[in-house]
Amino acid sequence: MRIVRTTLTVAALVTLAACASPQEQAARTAAQQQSDQAECKKLGFTEGTEAFANCMLRLKEIRAQEENTRALNRARTPSPWWGPYPGYPYPYRYYPPHYW
């Protein structure tokens, strides 16, 4: 019983550690926006112009596309623990772990 309790406690702590507070998320967003502004200024755009706004928008679109690509790659990666996965060569044999 003690092992189960310890395992559940560790799992709960790891889950809570992965969460970010709204202040942390706001700080991360502000830092990303400052980084984007610095990048657009470095490229020669003047702040407050339409070209600068387009540069900021383009950087945001690129970041969203990269996140989408990462999410698709995670979804396509087979899980190593639950046996055959879509795309696994057919015919296949699945042996439960006690046969290994």
PDB file of N, CA and C in Angstrom:
ATOM      1  N   MET A   1       0.821  -1.188   0.000  1.00  0.00           N
ATOM      2  CA  MET A   1       0.000   0.000   0.000  1.00  0.00           C
ATOM      3  C   MET A   1       0.865   1.252   0.000  1.00  0.00           C
ATOM      4  N   ARG A   2       1.982   1.180   0.679  1.00  0.00           N
ATOM      5  CA  ARG A   2       2.868   2.338   0.757  1.00  0.00           C
ATOM      6  C   ARG A   2       3.467   2.665  -0.618  1.00  0.00           C
ATOM      7  N   ILE A   3       3.753   1.635  -1.402  1.00  0.00           N
ATOM      8  CA  ILE A   3       4.316   1.852  -2.745  1.00  0.00           C
ATOM      9  C   ILE A   3       3.302   2.564  -3.630  1.00  0.00           C
ATOM     10  N   VAL A   4       2.053   2.151  -3.558  1.00  0.00           N
ATOM     11  CA  VAL A   4       1.007   2.785  -4.366  1.00  0.00           C
ATOM     12  C   VAL A   4       0.842   4.248  -3.973  1.00  0.00           C
ATOM     13  N   ARG A   5       0.820   4.510  -2.682  1.00  0.00           N
ATOM     14  CA  ARG A   5       0.677   5.883  -2.204  1.00  0.00           C
ATOM     15  C   ARG A   5       1.855   6.747  -2.652  1.00  0.00           C
ATOM     16  N   THR A   6       3.052   6.196  -2.554  1.00  0.00           N
ATOM     17  CA  THR A   6       4.244   6.940  -2.968  1.00  0.00           C
ATOM     18  C   THR A   6       4.222   7.212  -4.470  1.00  0.00           C
ATOM     19  N   THR A   7       3.832   6.196  -5.237  1.00  0.00           N
ATOM     20  CA  THR A   7       3.760   6.362  -6.691  1.00  0.00           C
ATOM     21  C   THR A   7       2.739   7.429  -7.070  1.00  0.00           C
ATOM     22  N   LEU A   8       1.578   7.394  -6.454  1.00  0.00           N
ATOM     23  CA  LEU A   8       0.558   8.406  -6.749  1.00  0.00           C
ATOM     24  C   LEU A   8       1.016   9.806  -6.340  1.00  0.00           C
ATOM     25  N   THR A   9       1.710   9.911  -5.248  1.00  0.00           N
ATOM     26  CA  THR A   9       2.215  11.207  -4.804  1.00  0.00           C
ATOM     27  C   THR A   9       3.233  11.757  -5.793  1.00  0.00           C
ATOM     28  N   VAL A  10       4.146  10.918  -6.228  1.00  0.00           N
ATOM     29  CA  VAL A  10       5.158  11.353  -7.199  1.00  0.00           C
ATOM     30  C   VAL A  10       4.497  11.751  -8.509  1.00  0.00           C
ATOM     31  N   ALA A  11       3.514  10.965  -8.969  1.00  0.00           N
ATOM     32  CA  ALA A  11       2.814  11.299 -10.215  1.00  0.00           C
ATOM     33  C   ALA A  11       2.090  12.639 -10.100  1.00  0.00           C
ATOM     34  N   ALA A  12       1.457  12.884  -8.957  1.00  0.00           N
ATOM     35  CA  ALA A  12       0.765  14.157  -8.756  1.00  0.00           C
ATOM     36  C   ALA A  12       1.742  15.326  -8.742  1.00  0.00           C
ATOM     37  N   LEU A  13       2.875  15.161  -8.094  1.00  0.00           N
ATOM     38  CA  LEU A  13       3.870  16.240  -8.050  1.00  0.00           C
ATOM     39  C   LEU A  13       4.454  16.532  -9.419  1.00  0.00           C
ATOM     40  N   VAL A  14       4.722  15.491 -10.200  1.00  0.00           N
ATOM     41  CA  VAL A  14       5.249  15.692 -11.551  1.00  0.00           C
ATOM     42  C   VAL A  14       4.219  16.407 -12.422  1.00  0.00           C
ATOM     43  N   THR A  15       2.955  16.027 -12.289  1.00  0.00           N
ATOM     44  CA  THR A  15       1.893  16.676 -13.054  1.00  0.00           C
ATOM     45  C   THR A  15       1.776  18.149 -12.685  1.00  0.00           C
ATOM     46  N   LEU A  16       1.816  18.447 -11.397  1.00  0.00           N
ATOM     47  CA  LEU A  16       1.718  19.842 -10.970  1.00  0.00           C
ATOM     48  C   LEU A  16       2.949  20.651 -11.372  1.00  0.00           C
ATOM     49  N   ALA A  17       4.099  20.027 -11.402  1.00  0.00           N
ATOM     50  CA  ALA A  17       5.319  20.736 -11.789  1.00  0.00           C
ATOM     51  C   ALA A  17       5.291  21.109 -13.265  1.00  0.00           C
ATOM     52  N   ALA A  18       4.577  20.335 -14.062  1.00  0.00           N
ATOM     53  CA  ALA A  18       4.510  20.616 -15.504  1.00  0.00           C
ATOM     54  C   ALA A  18       3.579  21.785 -15.815  1.00  0.00           C
ATOM     55  N   CYS A  19       2.703  22.130 -14.890  1.00  0.00           N
ATOM     56  CA  CYS A  19       1.758  23.228 -15.100  1.00  0.00           C
ATOM     57  C   CYS A  19       2.472  24.574 -14.955  1.00  0.00           C
ATOM     58  N   ALA A  20       1.989  25.535 -15.718  1.00  0.00           N
ATOM     59  CA  ALA A  20       2.543  26.881 -15.623  1.00  0.00           C
ATOM     60  C   ALA A  20       1.444  27.821 -15.144  1.00  0.00           C
ATOM     61  N   SER A  21       1.788  28.707 -14.260  1.00  0.00           N
ATOM     62  CA  SER A  21       0.807  29.661 -13.749  1.00  0.00           C
ATOM     63  C   SER A  21       0.510  30.701 -14.830  1.00  0.00           C
ATOM     64  N   PRO A  22      -0.615  31.400 -14.698  1.00  0.00           N
ATOM     65  CA  PRO A  22      -0.936  32.447 -15.671  1.00  0.00           C
ATOM     66  C   PRO A  22       0.144  33.535 -15.748  1.00  0.00           C
ATOM     67  N   GLN A  23       0.797  33.821 -14.609  1.00  0.00           N
ATOM     68  CA  GLN A  23       1.859  34.828 -14.617  1.00  0.00           C
ATOM     69  C   GLN A  23       3.048  34.337 -15.446  1.00  0.00           C
ATOM     70  N   GLU A  24       3.378  33.062 -15.300  1.00  0.00           N
ATOM     71  CA  GLU A  24       4.488  32.501 -16.087  1.00  0.00           C
ATOM     72  C   GLU A  24       4.160  32.504 -17.567  1.00  0.00           C
ATOM     73  N   GLN A  25       2.918  32.156 -17.905  1.00  0.00           N
ATOM     74  CA  GLN A  25       2.518  32.170 -19.313  1.00  0.00           C
ATOM     75  C   GLN A  25       2.545  33.587 -19.877  1.00  0.00           C
ATOM     76  N   ALA A  26       2.081  34.566 -19.096  1.00  0.00           N
ATOM     77  CA  ALA A  26       2.102  35.961 -19.542  1.00  0.00           C
ATOM     78  C   ALA A  26       3.537  36.446 -19.723  1.00  0.00           C
ATOM     79  N   ALA A  27       4.422  36.062 -18.813  1.00  0.00           N
ATOM     80  CA  ALA A  27       5.830  36.458 -18.930  1.00  0.00           C
ATOM     81  C   ALA A  27       6.459  35.830 -20.165  1.00  0.00           C
ATOM     82  N   ARG A  28       6.139  34.573 -20.430  1.00  0.00           N
ATOM     83  CA  ARG A  28       6.684  33.896 -21.603  1.00  0.00           C
ATOM     84  C   ARG A  28       6.191  34.561 -22.896  1.00  0.00           C
ATOM     85  N   THR A  29       4.892  34.936 -22.913  1.00  0.00           N
ATOM     86  CA  THR A  29       4.323  35.607 -24.088  1.00  0.00           C
ATOM     87  C   THR A  29       4.971  36.973 -24.295  1.00  0.00           C
ATOM     88  N   ALA A  30       5.156  37.719 -23.208  1.00  0.00           N
ATOM     89  CA  ALA A  30       5.785  39.042 -23.313  1.00  0.00           C
ATOM     90  C   ALA A  30       7.224  38.929 -23.795  1.00  0.00           C
ATOM     91  N   ALA A  31       7.942  37.936 -23.299  1.00  0.00           N
ATOM     92  CA  ALA A  31       9.332  37.745 -23.736  1.00  0.00           C
ATOM     93  C   ALA A  31       9.385  37.379 -25.217  1.00  0.00           C
ATOM     94  N   GLN A  32       8.436  36.555 -25.669  1.00  0.00           N
ATOM     95  CA  GLN A  32       8.406  36.178 -27.083  1.00  0.00           C
ATOM     96  C   GLN A  32       8.089  37.389 -27.953  1.00  0.00           C
ATOM     97  N   GLN A  33       7.170  38.231 -27.490  1.00  0.00           N
ATOM     98  CA  GLN A  33       6.821  39.428 -28.261  1.00  0.00           C
ATOM     99  C   GLN A  33       8.007  40.394 -28.336  1.00  0.00           C
ATOM    100  N   GLN A  34       8.730  40.563 -27.244  1.00  0.00           N
ATOM    101  CA  GLN A  34       9.911  41.424 -27.266  1.00  0.00           C
ATOM    102  C   GLN A  34      10.973  40.857 -28.206  1.00  0.00           C
ATOM    103  N   SER A  35      11.109  39.560 -28.202  1.00  0.00           N
ATOM    104  CA  SER A  35      12.070  38.920 -29.100  1.00  0.00           C
ATOM    105  C   SER A  35      11.676  39.143 -30.558  1.00  0.00           C
ATOM    106  N   ASP A  36      10.379  39.025 -30.846  1.00  0.00           N
ATOM    107  CA  ASP A  36       9.901  39.260 -32.211  1.00  0.00           C
ATOM    108  C   ASP A  36      10.120  40.719 -32.626  1.00  0.00           C
ATOM    109  N   GLN A  37       9.849  41.638 -31.708  1.00  0.00           N
ATOM    110  CA  GLN A  37      10.060  43.052 -32.030  1.00  0.00           C
ATOM    111  C   GLN A  37      11.530  43.326 -32.322  1.00  0.00           C
ATOM    112  N   ALA A  38      12.407  42.753 -31.513  1.00  0.00           N
ATOM    113  CA  ALA A  38      13.837  42.948 -31.732  1.00  0.00           C
ATOM    114  C   ALA A  38      14.261  42.354 -33.081  1.00  0.00           C
ATOM    115  N   GLU A  39      13.705  41.204 -33.420  1.00  0.00           N
ATOM    116  CA  GLU A  39      14.044  40.575 -34.708  1.00  0.00           C
ATOM    117  C   GLU A  39      13.586  41.428 -35.877  1.00  0.00           C
ATOM    118  N   CYS A  40      12.369  41.966 -35.801  1.00  0.00           N
ATOM    119  CA  CYS A  40      11.865  42.804 -36.896  1.00  0.00           C
ATOM    120  C   CYS A  40      12.667  44.103 -37.008  1.00  0.00           C
ATOM    121  N   LYS A  41      13.055  44.677 -35.866  1.00  0.00           N
ATOM    122  CA  LYS A  41      13.893  45.882 -35.901  1.00  0.00           C
ATOM    123  C   LYS A  41      15.253  45.571 -36.507  1.00  0.00           C
ATOM    124  N   LYS A  42      15.786  44.394 -36.161  1.00  0.00           N
ATOM    125  CA  LYS A  42      17.080  43.988 -36.696  1.00  0.00           C
ATOM    126  C   LYS A  42      17.015  43.816 -38.214  1.00  0.00           C
ATOM    127  N   LEU A  43      15.840  43.392 -38.704  1.00  0.00           N
ATOM    128  CA  LEU A  43      15.673  43.227 -40.147  1.00  0.00           C
ATOM    129  C   LEU A  43      15.476  44.561 -40.872  1.00  0.00           C
ATOM    130  N   GLY A  44      15.315  45.639 -40.110  1.00  0.00           N
ATOM    131  CA  GLY A  44      15.253  46.961 -40.726  1.00  0.00           C
ATOM    132  C   GLY A  44      13.866  47.576 -40.784  1.00  0.00           C
ATOM    133  N   PHE A  45      12.878  46.983 -40.147  1.00  0.00           N
ATOM    134  CA  PHE A  45      11.534  47.542 -40.152  1.00  0.00           C
ATOM    135  C   PHE A  45      11.400  48.566 -39.038  1.00  0.00           C
ATOM    136  N   THR A  46      10.635  49.622 -39.307  1.00  0.00           N
ATOM    137  CA  THR A  46      10.413  50.677 -38.322  1.00  0.00           C
ATOM    138  C   THR A  46       9.157  50.364 -37.533  1.00  0.00           C
ATOM    139  N   GLU A  47       9.281  50.464 -36.209  1.00  0.00           N
ATOM    140  CA  GLU A  47       8.154  50.134 -35.349  1.00  0.00           C
ATOM    141  C   GLU A  47       7.002  51.095 -35.597  1.00  0.00           C
ATOM    142  N   GLY A  48       5.789  50.556 -35.659  1.00  0.00           N
ATOM    143  CA  GLY A  48       4.598  51.365 -35.888  1.00  0.00           C
ATOM    144  C   GLY A  48       4.159  51.405 -37.338  1.00  0.00           C
ATOM    145  N   THR A  49       4.932  50.822 -38.239  1.00  0.00           N
ATOM    146  CA  THR A  49       4.552  50.808 -39.648  1.00  0.00           C
ATOM    147  C   THR A  49       3.817  49.508 -39.975  1.00  0.00           C
ATOM    148  N   GLU A  50       3.169  49.514 -41.133  1.00  0.00           N
ATOM    149  CA  GLU A  50       2.449  48.318 -41.573  1.00  0.00           C
ATOM    150  C   GLU A  50       3.418  47.174 -41.862  1.00  0.00           C
ATOM    151  N   ALA A  51       4.581  47.501 -42.394  1.00  0.00           N
ATOM    152  CA  ALA A  51       5.583  46.473 -42.678  1.00  0.00           C
ATOM    153  C   ALA A  51       6.060  45.810 -41.381  1.00  0.00           C
ATOM    154  N   PHE A  52       6.208  46.598 -40.326  1.00  0.00           N
ATOM    155  CA  PHE A  52       6.606  46.048 -39.032  1.00  0.00           C
ATOM    156  C   PHE A  52       5.524  45.110 -38.507  1.00  0.00           C
ATOM    157  N   ALA A  53       4.266  45.514 -38.629  1.00  0.00           N
ATOM    158  CA  ALA A  53       3.152  44.667 -38.190  1.00  0.00           C
ATOM    159  C   ALA A  53       3.113  43.372 -38.998  1.00  0.00           C
ATOM    160  N   ASN A  54       3.369  43.464 -40.301  1.00  0.00           N
ATOM    161  CA  ASN A  54       3.410  42.265 -41.142  1.00  0.00           C
ATOM    162  C   ASN A  54       4.555  41.337 -40.722  1.00  0.00           C
ATOM    163  N   CYS A  55       5.675  41.913 -40.356  1.00  0.00           N
ATOM    164  CA  CYS A  55       6.819  41.119 -39.893  1.00  0.00           C
ATOM    165  C   CYS A  55       6.456  40.382 -38.615  1.00  0.00           C
ATOM    166  N   MET A  56       5.826  41.098 -37.672  1.00  0.00           N
ATOM    167  CA  MET A  56       5.412  40.467 -36.418  1.00  0.00           C
ATOM    168  C   MET A  56       4.412  39.336 -36.676  1.00  0.00           C
ATOM    169  N   LEU A  57       3.467  39.587 -37.571  1.00  0.00           N
ATOM    170  CA  LEU A  57       2.468  38.577 -37.904  1.00  0.00           C
ATOM    171  C   LEU A  57       3.123  37.362 -38.556  1.00  0.00           C
ATOM    172  N   ARG A  58       4.069  37.585 -39.440  1.00  0.00           N
ATOM    173  CA  ARG A  58       4.758  36.489 -40.116  1.00  0.00           C
ATOM    174  C   ARG A  58       5.533  35.625 -39.109  1.00  0.00           C
ATOM    175  N   LEU A  59       6.198  36.254 -38.161  1.00  0.00           N
ATOM    176  CA  LEU A  59       6.919  35.490 -37.136  1.00  0.00           C
ATOM    177  C   LEU A  59       5.964  34.652 -36.290  1.00  0.00           C
ATOM    178  N   LYS A  60       4.796  35.224 -35.979  1.00  0.00           N
ATOM    179  CA  LYS A  60       3.802  34.479 -35.208  1.00  0.00           C
ATOM    180  C   LYS A  60       3.272  33.294 -36.012  1.00  0.00           C
ATOM    181  N   GLU A  61       3.043  33.482 -37.298  1.00  0.00           N
ATOM    182  CA  GLU A  61       2.572  32.393 -38.166  1.00  0.00           C
ATOM    183  C   GLU A  61       3.623  31.282 -38.267  1.00  0.00           C
ATOM    184  N   ILE A  62       4.880  31.676 -38.385  1.00  0.00           N
ATOM    185  CA  ILE A  62       5.959  30.682 -38.471  1.00  0.00           C
ATOM    186  C   ILE A  62       6.010  29.861 -37.184  1.00  0.00           C
ATOM    187  N   ARG A  63       5.895  30.521 -36.043  1.00  0.00           N
ATOM    188  CA  ARG A  63       5.928  29.808 -34.764  1.00  0.00           C
ATOM    189  C   ARG A  63       4.740  28.853 -34.647  1.00  0.00           C
ATOM    190  N   ALA A  64       3.557  29.283 -35.082  1.00  0.00           N
ATOM    191  CA  ALA A  64       2.375  28.420 -35.032  1.00  0.00           C
ATOM    192  C   ALA A  64       2.548  27.213 -35.950  1.00  0.00           C
ATOM    193  N   GLN A  65       3.122  27.430 -37.132  1.00  0.00           N
ATOM    194  CA  GLN A  65       3.353  26.321 -38.057  1.00  0.00           C
ATOM    195  C   GLN A  65       4.365  25.333 -37.483  1.00  0.00           C
ATOM    196  N   GLU A  66       5.408  25.833 -36.842  1.00  0.00           N
ATOM    197  CA  GLU A  66       6.398  24.944 -36.227  1.00  0.00           C
ATOM    198  C   GLU A  66       5.762  24.123 -35.105  1.00  0.00           C
ATOM    199  N   GLU A  67       4.902  24.735 -34.302  1.00  0.00           N
ATOM    200  CA  GLU A  67       4.224  24.007 -33.232  1.00  0.00           C
ATOM    201  C   GLU A  67       3.288  22.949 -33.814  1.00  0.00           C
ATOM    202  N   ASN A  68       2.605  23.286 -34.897  1.00  0.00           N
ATOM    203  CA  ASN A  68       1.731  22.328 -35.559  1.00  0.00           C
ATOM    204  C   ASN A  68       2.531  21.141 -36.089  1.00  0.00           C
ATOM    205  N   THR A  69       3.684  21.414 -36.673  1.00  0.00           N
ATOM    206  CA  THR A  69       4.542  20.347 -37.176  1.00  0.00           C
ATOM    207  C   THR A  69       5.023  19.452 -36.044  1.00  0.00           C
ATOM    208  N   ARG A  70       5.419  20.047 -34.922  1.00  0.00           N
ATOM    209  CA  ARG A  70       5.841  19.245 -33.770  1.00  0.00           C
ATOM    210  C   ARG A  70       4.703  18.380 -33.258  1.00  0.00           C
ATOM    211  N   ALA A  71       3.477  18.931 -33.207  1.00  0.00           N
ATOM    212  CA  ALA A  71       2.322  18.160 -32.734  1.00  0.00           C
ATOM    213  C   ALA A  71       2.030  16.999 -33.676  1.00  0.00           C
ATOM    214  N   LEU A  72       2.123  17.232 -34.981  1.00  0.00           N
ATOM    215  CA  LEU A  72       1.897  16.143 -35.945  1.00  0.00           C
ATOM    216  C   LEU A  72       2.959  15.066 -35.810  1.00  0.00           C
ATOM    217  N   ASN A  73       4.197  15.458 -35.616  1.00  0.00           N
ATOM    218  CA  ASN A  73       5.262  14.472 -35.442  1.00  0.00           C
ATOM    219  C   ASN A  73       5.061  13.651 -34.176  1.00  0.00           C
ATOM    220  N   ARG A  74       4.607  14.296 -33.101  1.00  0.00           N
ATOM    221  CA  ARG A  74       4.319  13.554 -31.874  1.00  0.00           C
ATOM    222  C   ARG A  74       3.184  12.568 -32.096  1.00  0.00           C
ATOM    223  N   ALA A  75       2.168  12.971 -32.870  1.00  0.00           N
ATOM    224  CA  ALA A  75       1.029  12.094 -33.118  1.00  0.00           C
ATOM    225  C   ALA A  75       1.423  10.910 -33.997  1.00  0.00           C
ATOM    226  N   ARG A  76       2.374  11.098 -34.893  1.00  0.00           N
ATOM    227  CA  ARG A  76       2.803  10.025 -35.789  1.00  0.00           C
ATOM    228  C   ARG A  76       3.791   9.063 -35.141  1.00  0.00           C
ATOM    229  N   THR A  77       4.418   9.474 -34.071  1.00  0.00           N
ATOM    230  CA  THR A  77       5.406   8.630 -33.423  1.00  0.00           C
ATOM    231  C   THR A  77       4.696   7.476 -32.729  1.00  0.00           C
ATOM    232  N   PRO A  78       5.065   6.260 -33.054  1.00  0.00           N
ATOM    233  CA  PRO A  78       4.380   5.125 -32.432  1.00  0.00           C
ATOM    234  C   PRO A  78       4.722   5.009 -30.957  1.00  0.00           C
ATOM    235  N   SER A  79       3.781   4.515 -30.234  1.00  0.00           N
ATOM    236  CA  SER A  79       4.007   4.292 -28.820  1.00  0.00           C
ATOM    237  C   SER A  79       4.731   2.968 -28.643  1.00  0.00           C
ATOM    238  N   PRO A  80       5.836   2.943 -27.937  1.00  0.00           N
ATOM    239  CA  PRO A  80       6.602   1.708 -27.838  1.00  0.00           C
ATOM    240  C   PRO A  80       6.020   0.699 -26.854  1.00  0.00           C
ATOM    241  N   TRP A  81       4.988   1.059 -26.092  1.00  0.00           N
ATOM    242  CA  TRP A  81       4.525   0.170 -25.036  1.00  0.00           C
ATOM    243  C   TRP A  81       3.234  -0.567 -25.335  1.00  0.00           C
ATOM    244  N   TRP A  82       2.476  -0.168 -26.348  1.00  0.00           N
ATOM    245  CA  TRP A  82       1.166  -0.770 -26.524  1.00  0.00           C
ATOM    246  C   TRP A  82       1.048  -1.632 -27.766  1.00  0.00           C
ATOM    247  N   GLY A  83       2.108  -2.236 -28.190  1.00  0.00           N
ATOM    248  CA  GLY A  83       2.037  -3.201 -29.275  1.00  0.00           C
ATOM    249  C   GLY A  83       1.971  -2.572 -30.646  1.00  0.00           C
ATOM    250  N   PRO A  84       1.391  -3.297 -31.601  1.00  0.00           N
ATOM    251  CA  PRO A  84       1.357  -2.829 -32.990  1.00  0.00           C
ATOM    252  C   PRO A  84       0.639  -1.497 -33.107  1.00  0.00           C
ATOM    253  N   TYR A  85       1.032  -0.737 -34.072  1.00  0.00           N
ATOM    254  CA  TYR A  85       0.488   0.583 -34.284  1.00  0.00           C
ATOM    255  C   TYR A  85       0.125   0.713 -35.753  1.00  0.00           C
ATOM    256  N   PRO A  86      -0.703   1.695 -36.120  1.00  0.00           N
ATOM    257  CA  PRO A  86      -1.043   1.878 -37.527  1.00  0.00           C
ATOM    258  C   PRO A  86       0.229   2.069 -38.356  1.00  0.00           C
ATOM    259  N   GLY A  87       0.306   1.372 -39.452  1.00  0.00           N
ATOM    260  CA  GLY A  87       1.499   1.447 -40.280  1.00  0.00           C
ATOM    261  C   GLY A  87       2.481   0.330 -39.990  1.00  0.00           C
ATOM    262  N   TYR A  88       2.213  -0.480 -38.967  1.00  0.00           N
ATOM    263  CA  TYR A  88       3.085  -1.611 -38.648  1.00  0.00           C
ATOM    264  C   TYR A  88       2.966  -2.630 -39.771  1.00  0.00           C
ATOM    265  N   PRO A  89       4.060  -3.234 -40.205  1.00  0.00           N
ATOM    266  CA  PRO A  89       3.993  -4.167 -41.335  1.00  0.00           C
ATOM    267  C   PRO A  89       3.018  -5.308 -41.063  1.00  0.00           C
ATOM    268  N   TYR A  90       2.194  -5.607 -42.017  1.00  0.00           N
ATOM    269  CA  TYR A  90       1.220  -6.683 -41.892  1.00  0.00           C
ATOM    270  C   TYR A  90       1.758  -7.902 -42.607  1.00  0.00           C
ATOM    271  N   PRO A  91       1.582  -9.096 -42.234  1.00  0.00           N
ATOM    272  CA  PRO A  91       0.984  -9.546 -40.993  1.00  0.00           C
ATOM    273  C   PRO A  91       1.965  -9.399 -39.845  1.00  0.00           C
ATOM    274  N   TYR A  92       1.456  -9.197 -38.705  1.00  0.00           N
ATOM    275  CA  TYR A  92       2.307  -9.059 -37.534  1.00  0.00           C
ATOM    276  C   TYR A  92       1.801  -9.988 -36.443  1.00  0.00           C
ATOM    277  N   ARG A  93       2.674 -10.299 -35.561  1.00  0.00           N
ATOM    278  CA  ARG A  93       2.300 -11.072 -34.392  1.00  0.00           C
ATOM    279  C   ARG A  93       2.567 -10.212 -33.176  1.00  0.00           C
ATOM    280  N   TYR A  94       1.590 -10.198 -32.320  1.00  0.00           N
ATOM    281  CA  TYR A  94       1.750  -9.448 -31.089  1.00  0.00           C
ATOM    282  C   TYR A  94       1.814 -10.445 -29.950  1.00  0.00           C
ATOM    283  N   TYR A  95       2.928 -10.427 -29.267  1.00  0.00           N
ATOM    284  CA  TYR A  95       3.082 -11.298 -28.115  1.00  0.00           C
ATOM    285  C   TYR A  95       2.996 -10.457 -26.855  1.00  0.00           C
ATOM    286  N   PRO A  96       2.108 -10.828 -25.951  1.00  0.00           N
ATOM    287  CA  PRO A  96       2.043 -10.075 -24.693  1.00  0.00           C
ATOM    288  C   PRO A  96       3.375 -10.129 -23.975  1.00  0.00           C
ATOM    289  N   PRO A  97       3.639  -9.173 -23.104  1.00  0.00           N
ATOM    290  CA  PRO A  97       4.938  -9.085 -22.452  1.00  0.00           C
ATOM    291  C   PRO A  97       5.366 -10.346 -21.706  1.00  0.00           C
ATOM    292  N   HIS A  98       4.418 -11.182 -21.219  1.00  0.00           N
ATOM    293  CA  HIS A  98       4.839 -12.356 -20.464  1.00  0.00           C
ATOM    294  C   HIS A  98       5.466 -13.431 -21.348  1.00  0.00           C
ATOM    295  N   TYR A  99       5.359 -13.335 -22.691  1.00  0.00           N
ATOM    296  CA  TYR A  99       6.001 -14.281 -23.575  1.00  0.00           C
ATOM    297  C   TYR A  99       7.432 -13.882 -23.939  1.00  0.00           C
ATOM    298  N   TRP A 100       7.800 -12.657 -23.657  1.00  0.00           N
ATOM    299  CA  TRP A 100       9.110 -12.164 -24.071  1.00  0.00           C
ATOM    300  C   TRP A 100      10.153 -12.707 -23.194  1.00  0.00           C
TER     301      TRP A 100
END
